[in-house]
């Protein structure tokens, strides 16, 4: 939050400052978690592009649903498939 506060040009975080920072992010096509933003300078915040897979993942975790669970599973399977592909590539190059 301290980084966001400085980037937005504010000297101190408060209720209205975090709302304004949130609005600035949205206008730039960015979302954040947690929602609402904390007023603690030391808090860690995830900033992501709206419409991205990360936004879908954050929404699936924060608002559980059948569709969200399916997305989480596909996201996890995609990562596993990519890891398996990298392992296969390494094995192919090491056996040459």
PDB file of N, CA and C in Angstrom:
ATOM      1  N   UNK A   1       0.825  -1.200   0.000  1.00  0.00           N
ATOM      2  CA  UNK A   1       0.000   0.000   0.000  1.00  0.00           C
ATOM      3  C   UNK A   1       0.862   1.253   0.000  1.00  0.00           C
ATOM      4  N   UNK A   2       2.019   1.170   0.631  1.00  0.00           N
ATOM      5  CA  UNK A   2       2.883   2.343   0.641  1.00  0.00           C
ATOM      6  C   UNK A   2       3.308   2.721  -0.786  1.00  0.00           C
ATOM      7  N   UNK A   3       3.609   1.722  -1.608  1.00  0.00           N
ATOM      8  CA  UNK A   3       3.998   1.975  -2.992  1.00  0.00           C
ATOM      9  C   UNK A   3       2.857   2.618  -3.768  1.00  0.00           C
ATOM     10  N   UNK A   4       1.639   2.108  -3.591  1.00  0.00           N
ATOM     11  CA  UNK A   4       0.476   2.696  -4.259  1.00  0.00           C
ATOM     12  C   UNK A   4       0.225   4.124  -3.781  1.00  0.00           C
ATOM     13  N   UNK A   5       0.357   4.335  -2.474  1.00  0.00           N
ATOM     14  CA  UNK A   5       0.156   5.676  -1.909  1.00  0.00           C
ATOM     15  C   UNK A   5       1.133   6.668  -2.523  1.00  0.00           C
ATOM     16  N   UNK A   6       2.411   6.277  -2.577  1.00  0.00           N
ATOM     17  CA  UNK A   6       3.429   7.172  -3.143  1.00  0.00           C
ATOM     18  C   UNK A   6       3.173   7.419  -4.632  1.00  0.00           C
ATOM     19  N   UNK A   7       2.836   6.355  -5.367  1.00  0.00           N
ATOM     20  CA  UNK A   7       2.589   6.492  -6.809  1.00  0.00           C
ATOM     21  C   UNK A   7       1.414   7.421  -7.090  1.00  0.00           C
ATOM     22  N   UNK A   8       0.425   7.424  -6.190  1.00  0.00           N
ATOM     23  CA  UNK A   8      -0.747   8.283  -6.375  1.00  0.00           C
ATOM     24  C   UNK A   8      -0.500   9.705  -5.857  1.00  0.00           C
ATOM     25  N   UNK A   9       0.638   9.916  -5.189  1.00  0.00           N
ATOM     26  CA  UNK A   9       1.001  11.253  -4.739  1.00  0.00           C
ATOM     27  C   UNK A   9       0.397  11.678  -3.416  1.00  0.00           C
ATOM     28  N   UNK A  10      -0.020  10.719  -2.598  1.00  0.00           N
ATOM     29  CA  UNK A  10      -0.599  11.051  -1.292  1.00  0.00           C
ATOM     30  C   UNK A  10       0.449  10.900  -0.200  1.00  0.00           C
ATOM     31  N   UNK A  11       0.322  11.712   0.840  1.00  0.00           N
ATOM     32  CA  UNK A  11       1.268  11.657   1.948  1.00  0.00           C
ATOM     33  C   UNK A  11       0.860  10.669   3.020  1.00  0.00           C
ATOM     34  N   UNK A  12      -0.422  10.349   3.094  1.00  0.00           N
ATOM     35  CA  UNK A  12      -0.911   9.502   4.182  1.00  0.00           C
ATOM     36  C   UNK A  12      -2.133   8.732   3.699  1.00  0.00           C
ATOM     37  N   UNK A  13      -2.244   7.487   4.142  1.00  0.00           N
ATOM     38  CA  UNK A  13      -3.415   6.693   3.785  1.00  0.00           C
ATOM     39  C   UNK A  13      -4.564   6.989   4.738  1.00  0.00           C
ATOM     40  N   UNK A  14      -5.746   7.007   4.219  1.00  0.00           N
ATOM     41  CA  UNK A  14      -6.955   7.183   5.008  1.00  0.00           C
ATOM     42  C   UNK A  14      -8.126   6.634   4.206  1.00  0.00           C
ATOM     43  N   UNK A  15      -9.304   6.692   4.784  1.00  0.00           N
ATOM     44  CA  UNK A  15     -10.499   6.132   4.153  1.00  0.00           C
ATOM     45  C   UNK A  15     -10.717   6.646   2.735  1.00  0.00           C
ATOM     46  N   UNK A  16     -10.633   7.943   2.565  1.00  0.00           N
ATOM     47  CA  UNK A  16     -10.912   8.535   1.253  1.00  0.00           C
ATOM     48  C   UNK A  16      -9.735   8.377   0.286  1.00  0.00           C
ATOM     49  N   UNK A  17      -8.526   8.323   0.818  1.00  0.00           N
ATOM     50  CA  UNK A  17      -7.345   8.129  -0.028  1.00  0.00           C
ATOM     51  C   UNK A  17      -7.371   6.737  -0.646  1.00  0.00           C
ATOM     52  N   UNK A  18      -7.703   5.693   0.137  1.00  0.00           N
ATOM     53  CA  UNK A  18      -7.730   4.338  -0.426  1.00  0.00           C
ATOM     54  C   UNK A  18      -8.851   4.199  -1.459  1.00  0.00           C
ATOM     55  N   UNK A  19      -9.960   4.895  -1.256  1.00  0.00           N
ATOM     56  CA  UNK A  19     -11.037   4.891  -2.258  1.00  0.00           C
ATOM     57  C   UNK A  19     -10.546   5.550  -3.542  1.00  0.00           C
ATOM     58  N   UNK A  20      -9.844   6.650  -3.412  1.00  0.00           N
ATOM     59  CA  UNK A  20      -9.326   7.351  -4.580  1.00  0.00           C
ATOM     60  C   UNK A  20      -8.274   6.513  -5.307  1.00  0.00           C
ATOM     61  N   UNK A  21      -7.404   5.835  -4.572  1.00  0.00           N
ATOM     62  CA  UNK A  21      -6.407   4.952  -5.192  1.00  0.00           C
ATOM     63  C   UNK A  21      -7.120   3.832  -5.946  1.00  0.00           C
ATOM     64  N   UNK A  22      -8.135   3.248  -5.349  1.00  0.00           N
ATOM     65  CA  UNK A  22      -8.910   2.192  -5.997  1.00  0.00           C
ATOM     66  C   UNK A  22      -9.527   2.708  -7.294  1.00  0.00           C
ATOM     67  N   UNK A  23     -10.091   3.898  -7.262  1.00  0.00           N
ATOM     68  CA  UNK A  23     -10.684   4.509  -8.456  1.00  0.00           C
ATOM     69  C   UNK A  23      -9.635   4.768  -9.540  1.00  0.00           C
ATOM     70  N   UNK A  24      -8.450   5.242  -9.129  1.00  0.00           N
ATOM     71  CA  UNK A  24      -7.355   5.465 -10.078  1.00  0.00           C
ATOM     72  C   UNK A  24      -6.987   4.156 -10.780  1.00  0.00           C
ATOM     73  N   UNK A  25      -6.875   3.089 -10.006  1.00  0.00           N
ATOM     74  CA  UNK A  25      -6.516   1.786 -10.586  1.00  0.00           C
ATOM     75  C   UNK A  25      -7.565   1.343 -11.603  1.00  0.00           C
ATOM     76  N   UNK A  26      -8.834   1.440 -11.222  1.00  0.00           N
ATOM     77  CA  UNK A  26      -9.920   1.021 -12.124  1.00  0.00           C
ATOM     78  C   UNK A  26      -9.919   1.808 -13.427  1.00  0.00           C
ATOM     79  N   UNK A  27      -9.692   3.110 -13.319  1.00  0.00           N
ATOM     80  CA  UNK A  27      -9.653   3.942 -14.530  1.00  0.00           C
ATOM     81  C   UNK A  27      -8.521   3.521 -15.466  1.00  0.00           C
ATOM     82  N   UNK A  28      -7.520   2.889 -14.913  1.00  0.00           N
ATOM     83  CA  UNK A  28      -6.377   2.426 -15.713  1.00  0.00           C
ATOM     84  C   UNK A  28      -6.498   0.947 -16.087  1.00  0.00           C
ATOM     85  N   UNK A  29      -7.680   0.372 -15.855  1.00  0.00           N
ATOM     86  CA  UNK A  29      -7.917  -1.014 -16.228  1.00  0.00           C
ATOM     87  C   UNK A  29      -7.308  -2.027 -15.283  1.00  0.00           C
ATOM     88  N   UNK A  30      -7.118  -1.610 -14.030  1.00  0.00           N
ATOM     89  CA  UNK A  30      -6.517  -2.489 -13.033  1.00  0.00           C
ATOM     90  C   UNK A  30      -7.468  -2.740 -11.876  1.00  0.00           C
ATOM     91  N   UNK A  31      -7.460  -3.962 -11.394  1.00  0.00           N
ATOM     92  CA  UNK A  31      -8.216  -4.322 -10.200  1.00  0.00           C
ATOM     93  C   UNK A  31      -7.254  -4.600  -9.069  1.00  0.00           C
ATOM     94  N   UNK A  32      -7.802  -4.913  -7.908  1.00  0.00           N
ATOM     95  CA  UNK A  32      -6.939  -5.190  -6.757  1.00  0.00           C
ATOM     96  C   UNK A  32      -7.635  -6.117  -5.771  1.00  0.00           C
ATOM     97  N   UNK A  33      -6.818  -6.791  -4.993  1.00  0.00           N
ATOM     98  CA  UNK A  33      -7.289  -7.598  -3.877  1.00  0.00           C
ATOM     99  C   UNK A  33      -6.337  -7.310  -2.725  1.00  0.00           C
ATOM    100  N   UNK A  34      -6.857  -7.087  -1.524  1.00  0.00           N
ATOM    101  CA  UNK A  34      -8.254  -7.240  -1.137  1.00  0.00           C
ATOM    102  C   UNK A  34      -9.109  -6.050  -1.574  1.00  0.00           C
ATOM    103  N   UNK A  35     -10.391  -6.284  -1.439  1.00  0.00           N
ATOM    104  CA  UNK A  35     -11.402  -5.264  -1.740  1.00  0.00           C
ATOM    105  C   UNK A  35     -12.201  -5.053  -0.472  1.00  0.00           C
ATOM    106  N   UNK A  36     -12.297  -3.896   0.091  1.00  0.00           N
ATOM    107  CA  UNK A  36     -11.639  -2.653  -0.315  1.00  0.00           C
ATOM    108  C   UNK A  36     -10.153  -2.668   0.055  1.00  0.00           C
ATOM    109  N   UNK A  37      -9.424  -1.702  -0.499  1.00  0.00           N
ATOM    110  CA  UNK A  37      -8.009  -1.575  -0.171  1.00  0.00           C
ATOM    111  C   UNK A  37      -7.836  -1.263   1.305  1.00  0.00           C
ATOM    112  N   UNK A  38      -6.802  -1.816   1.939  1.00  0.00           N
ATOM    113  CA  UNK A  38      -6.546  -1.514   3.355  1.00  0.00           C
ATOM    114  C   UNK A  38      -5.896  -0.140   3.505  1.00  0.00           C
ATOM    115  N   UNK A  39      -6.094   0.472   4.652  1.00  0.00           N
ATOM    116  CA  UNK A  39      -5.495   1.781   4.936  1.00  0.00           C
ATOM    117  C   UNK A  39      -4.171   1.623   5.681  1.00  0.00           C
ATOM    118  N   UNK A  40      -3.611   0.426   5.684  1.00  0.00           N
ATOM    119  CA  UNK A  40      -2.343   0.132   6.345  1.00  0.00           C
ATOM    120  C   UNK A  40      -1.209   0.195   5.325  1.00  0.00           C
ATOM    121  N   UNK A  41      -0.250   1.061   5.551  1.00  0.00           N
ATOM    122  CA  UNK A  41       0.869   1.235   4.615  1.00  0.00           C
ATOM    123  C   UNK A  41       1.668  -0.041   4.406  1.00  0.00           C
ATOM    124  N   UNK A  42       1.681  -0.921   5.382  1.00  0.00           N
ATOM    125  CA  UNK A  42       2.489  -2.141   5.302  1.00  0.00           C
ATOM    126  C   UNK A  42       1.730  -3.302   4.661  1.00  0.00           C
ATOM    127  N   UNK A  43       0.458  -3.127   4.368  1.00  0.00           N
ATOM    128  CA  UNK A  43      -0.350  -4.209   3.791  1.00  0.00           C
ATOM    129  C   UNK A  43       0.092  -4.527   2.371  1.00  0.00           C
ATOM    130  N   UNK A  44       0.039  -5.806   2.042  1.00  0.00           N
ATOM    131  CA  UNK A  44       0.347  -6.260   0.694  1.00  0.00           C
ATOM    132  C   UNK A  44      -0.935  -6.329  -0.111  1.00  0.00           C
ATOM    133  N   UNK A  45      -0.873  -5.847  -1.338  1.00  0.00           N
ATOM    134  CA  UNK A  45      -2.044  -5.792  -2.215  1.00  0.00           C
ATOM    135  C   UNK A  45      -1.667  -6.427  -3.552  1.00  0.00           C
ATOM    136  N   UNK A  46      -2.582  -7.208  -4.085  1.00  0.00           N
ATOM    137  CA  UNK A  46      -2.414  -7.781  -5.419  1.00  0.00           C
ATOM    138  C   UNK A  46      -3.087  -6.846  -6.417  1.00  0.00           C
ATOM    139  N   UNK A  47      -2.327  -6.386  -7.412  1.00  0.00           N
ATOM    140  CA  UNK A  47      -2.871  -5.536  -8.475  1.00  0.00           C
ATOM    141  C   UNK A  47      -2.806  -6.356  -9.754  1.00  0.00           C
ATOM    142  N   UNK A  48      -3.906  -6.381 -10.487  1.00  0.00           N
ATOM    143  CA  UNK A  48      -3.988  -7.201 -11.693  1.00  0.00           C
ATOM    144  C   UNK A  48      -4.770  -6.475 -12.773  1.00  0.00           C
ATOM    145  N   UNK A  49      -4.593  -6.935 -14.011  1.00  0.00           N
ATOM    146  CA  UNK A  49      -5.289  -6.355 -15.148  1.00  0.00           C
ATOM    147  C   UNK A  49      -6.729  -6.860 -15.178  1.00  0.00           C
ATOM    148  N   UNK A  50      -7.678  -5.939 -15.301  1.00  0.00           N
ATOM    149  CA  UNK A  50      -9.076  -6.333 -15.399  1.00  0.00           C
ATOM    150  C   UNK A  50      -9.290  -7.136 -16.672  1.00  0.00           C
ATOM    151  N   UNK A  51     -10.081  -8.191 -16.568  1.00  0.00           N
ATOM    152  CA  UNK A  51     -10.339  -9.058 -17.710  1.00  0.00           C
ATOM    153  C   UNK A  51      -9.316 -10.162 -17.887  1.00  0.00           C
ATOM    154  N   UNK A  52      -8.280 -10.172 -17.063  1.00  0.00           N
ATOM    155  CA  UNK A  52      -7.225 -11.181 -17.179  1.00  0.00           C
ATOM    156  C   UNK A  52      -7.627 -12.476 -16.465  1.00  0.00           C
ATOM    157  N   UNK A  53      -6.854 -13.524 -16.719  1.00  0.00           N
ATOM    158  CA  UNK A  53      -7.087 -14.786 -16.021  1.00  0.00           C
ATOM    159  C   UNK A  53      -6.887 -14.632 -14.517  1.00  0.00           C
ATOM    160  N   UNK A  54      -5.988 -13.734 -14.122  1.00  0.00           N
ATOM    161  CA  UNK A  54      -5.768 -13.504 -12.688  1.00  0.00           C
ATOM    162  C   UNK A  54      -7.029 -12.927 -12.054  1.00  0.00           C
ATOM    163  N   UNK A  55      -7.687 -12.006 -12.750  1.00  0.00           N
ATOM    164  CA  UNK A  55      -8.946 -11.460 -12.210  1.00  0.00           C
ATOM    165  C   UNK A  55      -9.973 -12.584 -12.058  1.00  0.00           C
ATOM    166  N   UNK A  56     -10.077 -13.433 -13.065  1.00  0.00           N
ATOM    167  CA  UNK A  56     -11.028 -14.549 -12.997  1.00  0.00           C
ATOM    168  C   UNK A  56     -10.695 -15.472 -11.833  1.00  0.00           C
ATOM    169  N   UNK A  57      -9.409 -15.705 -11.603  1.00  0.00           N
ATOM    170  CA  UNK A  57      -8.990 -16.566 -10.504  1.00  0.00           C
ATOM    171  C   UNK A  57      -9.316 -15.931  -9.155  1.00  0.00           C
ATOM    172  N   UNK A  58      -9.017 -14.653  -9.010  1.00  0.00           N
ATOM    173  CA  UNK A  58      -9.327 -13.934  -7.765  1.00  0.00           C
ATOM    174  C   UNK A  58     -10.832 -13.969  -7.499  1.00  0.00           C
ATOM    175  N   UNK A  59     -11.634 -13.714  -8.528  1.00  0.00           N
ATOM    176  CA  UNK A  59     -13.088 -13.739  -8.360  1.00  0.00           C
ATOM    177  C   UNK A  59     -13.587 -15.142  -8.018  1.00  0.00           C
ATOM    178  N   UNK A  60     -12.993 -16.164  -8.631  1.00  0.00           N
ATOM    179  CA  UNK A  60     -13.393 -17.544  -8.352  1.00  0.00           C
ATOM    180  C   UNK A  60     -13.104 -17.919  -6.908  1.00  0.00           C
ATOM    181  N   UNK A  61     -12.008 -17.428  -6.370  1.00  0.00           N
ATOM    182  CA  UNK A  61     -11.653 -17.720  -4.978  1.00  0.00           C
ATOM    183  C   UNK A  61     -12.519 -16.917  -4.014  1.00  0.00           C
ATOM    184  N   UNK A  62     -12.747 -15.642  -4.326  1.00  0.00           N
ATOM    185  CA  UNK A  62     -13.503 -14.766  -3.422  1.00  0.00           C
ATOM    186  C   UNK A  62     -15.007 -14.981  -3.463  1.00  0.00           C
ATOM    187  N   UNK A  63     -15.527 -15.495  -4.567  1.00  0.00           N
ATOM    188  CA  UNK A  63     -16.968 -15.735  -4.713  1.00  0.00           C
ATOM    189  C   UNK A  63     -17.175 -17.157  -5.248  1.00  0.00           C
ATOM    190  N   UNK A  64     -17.063 -18.153  -4.376  1.00  0.00           N
ATOM    191  CA  UNK A  64     -17.146 -19.546  -4.831  1.00  0.00           C
ATOM    192  C   UNK A  64     -18.441 -19.849  -5.583  1.00  0.00           C
ATOM    193  N   UNK A  65     -18.278 -20.604  -6.674  1.00  0.00           N
ATOM    194  CA  UNK A  65     -19.405 -21.049  -7.482  1.00  0.00           C
ATOM    195  C   UNK A  65     -18.952 -22.282  -8.252  1.00  0.00           C
ATOM    196  N   UNK A  66     -19.904 -22.967  -8.883  1.00  0.00           N
ATOM    197  CA  UNK A  66     -19.538 -24.122  -9.699  1.00  0.00           C
ATOM    198  C   UNK A  66     -18.640 -23.703 -10.856  1.00  0.00           C
ATOM    199  N   UNK A  67     -18.999 -22.596 -11.519  1.00  0.00           N
ATOM    200  CA  UNK A  67     -18.170 -22.107 -12.632  1.00  0.00           C
ATOM    201  C   UNK A  67     -16.785 -21.703 -12.138  1.00  0.00           C
ATOM    202  N   UNK A  68     -16.740 -21.058 -10.986  1.00  0.00           N
ATOM    203  CA  UNK A  68     -15.453 -20.648 -10.414  1.00  0.00           C
ATOM    204  C   UNK A  68     -14.581 -21.845 -10.071  1.00  0.00           C
ATOM    205  N   UNK A  69     -15.201 -22.881  -9.504  1.00  0.00           N
ATOM    206  CA  UNK A  69     -14.450 -24.097  -9.172  1.00  0.00           C
ATOM    207  C   UNK A  69     -13.895 -24.740 -10.435  1.00  0.00           C
ATOM    208  N   UNK A  70     -14.691 -24.756 -11.495  1.00  0.00           N
ATOM    209  CA  UNK A  70     -14.228 -25.315 -12.770  1.00  0.00           C
ATOM    210  C   UNK A  70     -13.056 -24.500 -13.316  1.00  0.00           C
ATOM    211  N   UNK A  71     -13.127 -23.177 -13.181  1.00  0.00           N
ATOM    212  CA  UNK A  71     -12.033 -22.329 -13.661  1.00  0.00           C
ATOM    213  C   UNK A  71     -10.760 -22.591 -12.862  1.00  0.00           C
ATOM    214  N   UNK A  72     -10.891 -22.703 -11.541  1.00  0.00           N
ATOM    215  CA  UNK A  72      -9.726 -22.978 -10.693  1.00  0.00           C
ATOM    216  C   UNK A  72      -9.092 -24.309 -11.098  1.00  0.00           C
ATOM    217  N   UNK A  73      -9.921 -25.333 -11.310  1.00  0.00           N
ATOM    218  CA  UNK A  73      -9.387 -26.638 -11.725  1.00  0.00           C
ATOM    219  C   UNK A  73      -8.671 -26.534 -13.069  1.00  0.00           C
ATOM    220  N   UNK A  74      -9.279 -25.830 -14.028  1.00  0.00           N
ATOM    221  CA  UNK A  74      -8.638 -25.710 -15.347  1.00  0.00           C
ATOM    222  C   UNK A  74      -7.346 -24.914 -15.245  1.00  0.00           C
ATOM    223  N   UNK A  75      -7.330 -23.894 -14.399  1.00  0.00           N
ATOM    224  CA  UNK A  75      -6.130 -23.086 -14.194  1.00  0.00           C
ATOM    225  C   UNK A  75      -5.023 -23.952 -13.604  1.00  0.00           C
ATOM    226  N   UNK A  76      -5.346 -24.756 -12.606  1.00  0.00           N
ATOM    227  CA  UNK A  76      -4.368 -25.647 -11.971  1.00  0.00           C
ATOM    228  C   UNK A  76      -3.901 -26.708 -12.960  1.00  0.00           C
ATOM    229  N   UNK A  77      -4.802 -27.270 -13.739  1.00  0.00           N
ATOM    230  CA  UNK A  77      -4.428 -28.282 -14.729  1.00  0.00           C
ATOM    231  C   UNK A  77      -3.541 -27.688 -15.812  1.00  0.00           C
ATOM    232  N   UNK A  78      -3.808 -26.452 -16.202  1.00  0.00           N
ATOM    233  CA  UNK A  78      -2.996 -25.776 -17.212  1.00  0.00           C
ATOM    234  C   UNK A  78      -1.568 -25.648 -16.704  1.00  0.00           C
ATOM    235  N   UNK A  79      -1.417 -25.252 -15.453  1.00  0.00           N
ATOM    236  CA  UNK A  79      -0.099 -25.101 -14.856  1.00  0.00           C
ATOM    237  C   UNK A  79       0.608 -26.453 -14.803  1.00  0.00           C
ATOM    238  N   UNK A  80      -0.124 -27.503 -14.427  1.00  0.00           N
ATOM    239  CA  UNK A  80       0.459 -28.839 -14.360  1.00  0.00           C
ATOM    240  C   UNK A  80       0.886 -29.299 -15.748  1.00  0.00           C
ATOM    241  N   UNK A  81       0.073 -29.026 -16.750  1.00  0.00           N
ATOM    242  CA  UNK A  81       0.401 -29.419 -18.118  1.00  0.00           C
ATOM    243  C   UNK A  81       1.651 -28.693 -18.610  1.00  0.00           C
ATOM    244  N   UNK A  82       1.767 -27.406 -18.280  1.00  0.00           N
ATOM    245  CA  UNK A  82       2.950 -26.646 -18.680  1.00  0.00           C
ATOM    246  C   UNK A  82       4.193 -27.188 -17.990  1.00  0.00           C
ATOM    247  N   UNK A  83       4.077 -27.537 -16.714  1.00  0.00           N
ATOM    248  CA  UNK A  83       5.209 -28.097 -15.974  1.00  0.00           C
ATOM    249  C   UNK A  83       5.637 -29.428 -16.574  1.00  0.00           C
ATOM    250  N   UNK A  84       4.670 -30.272 -16.891  1.00  0.00           N
ATOM    251  CA  UNK A  84       4.967 -31.565 -17.501  1.00  0.00           C
ATOM    252  C   UNK A  84       5.659 -31.370 -18.846  1.00  0.00           C
ATOM    253  N   UNK A  85       5.202 -30.415 -19.629  1.00  0.00           N
ATOM    254  CA  UNK A  85       5.823 -30.117 -20.926  1.00  0.00           C
ATOM    255  C   UNK A  85       7.275 -29.694 -20.740  1.00  0.00           C
ATOM    256  N   UNK A  86       7.559 -28.862 -19.734  1.00  0.00           N
ATOM    257  CA  UNK A  86       8.939 -28.423 -19.472  1.00  0.00           C
ATOM    258  C   UNK A  86       9.816 -29.597 -19.051  1.00  0.00           C
ATOM    259  N   UNK A  87       9.265 -30.479 -18.228  1.00  0.00           N
ATOM    260  CA  UNK A  87      10.020 -31.650 -17.785  1.00  0.00           C
ATOM    261  C   UNK A  87      10.357 -32.546 -18.979  1.00  0.00           C
ATOM    262  N   UNK A  88       9.373 -32.773 -19.841  1.00  0.00           N
ATOM    263  CA  UNK A  88       9.612 -33.589 -21.040  1.00  0.00           C
ATOM    264  C   UNK A  88      10.692 -32.970 -21.915  1.00  0.00           C
ATOM    265  N   UNK A  89      10.652 -31.652 -22.081  1.00  0.00           N
ATOM    266  CA  UNK A  89      11.650 -30.968 -22.900  1.00  0.00           C
ATOM    267  C   UNK A  89      13.042 -31.142 -22.292  1.00  0.00           C
ATOM    268  N   UNK A  90      13.144 -31.034 -20.979  1.00  0.00           N
ATOM    269  CA  UNK A  90      14.431 -31.226 -20.307  1.00  0.00           C
ATOM    270  C   UNK A  90      14.941 -32.651 -20.494  1.00  0.00           C
ATOM    271  N   UNK A  91      14.050 -33.614 -20.362  1.00  0.00           N
ATOM    272  CA  UNK A  91      14.445 -35.011 -20.525  1.00  0.00           C
ATOM    273  C   UNK A  91      14.900 -35.293 -21.958  1.00  0.00           C
ATOM    274  N   UNK A  92      14.221 -34.691 -22.925  1.00  0.00           N
ATOM    275  CA  UNK A  92      14.587 -34.879 -24.335  1.00  0.00           C
ATOM    276  C   UNK A  92      15.972 -34.314 -24.615  1.00  0.00           C
ATOM    277  N   UNK A  93      16.285 -33.155 -24.057  1.00  0.00           N
ATOM    278  CA  UNK A  93      17.589 -32.530 -24.323  1.00  0.00           C
ATOM    279  C   UNK A  93      18.700 -33.246 -23.571  1.00  0.00           C
ATOM    280  N   UNK A  94      18.403 -33.802 -22.387  1.00  0.00           N
ATOM    281  CA  UNK A  94      19.453 -34.466 -21.618  1.00  0.00           C
ATOM    282  C   UNK A  94      19.781 -35.836 -22.161  1.00  0.00           C
ATOM    283  N   UNK A  95      18.866 -36.472 -22.892  1.00  0.00           N
ATOM    284  CA  UNK A  95      19.133 -37.794 -23.445  1.00  0.00           C
ATOM    285  C   UNK A  95      19.808 -37.720 -24.811  1.00  0.00           C
ATOM    286  N   UNK A  96      19.977 -36.537 -25.343  1.00  0.00           N
ATOM    287  CA  UNK A  96      20.595 -36.375 -26.675  1.00  0.00           C
ATOM    288  C   UNK A  96      22.101 -36.413 -26.592  1.00  0.00           C
TER     289      UNK A  96
END
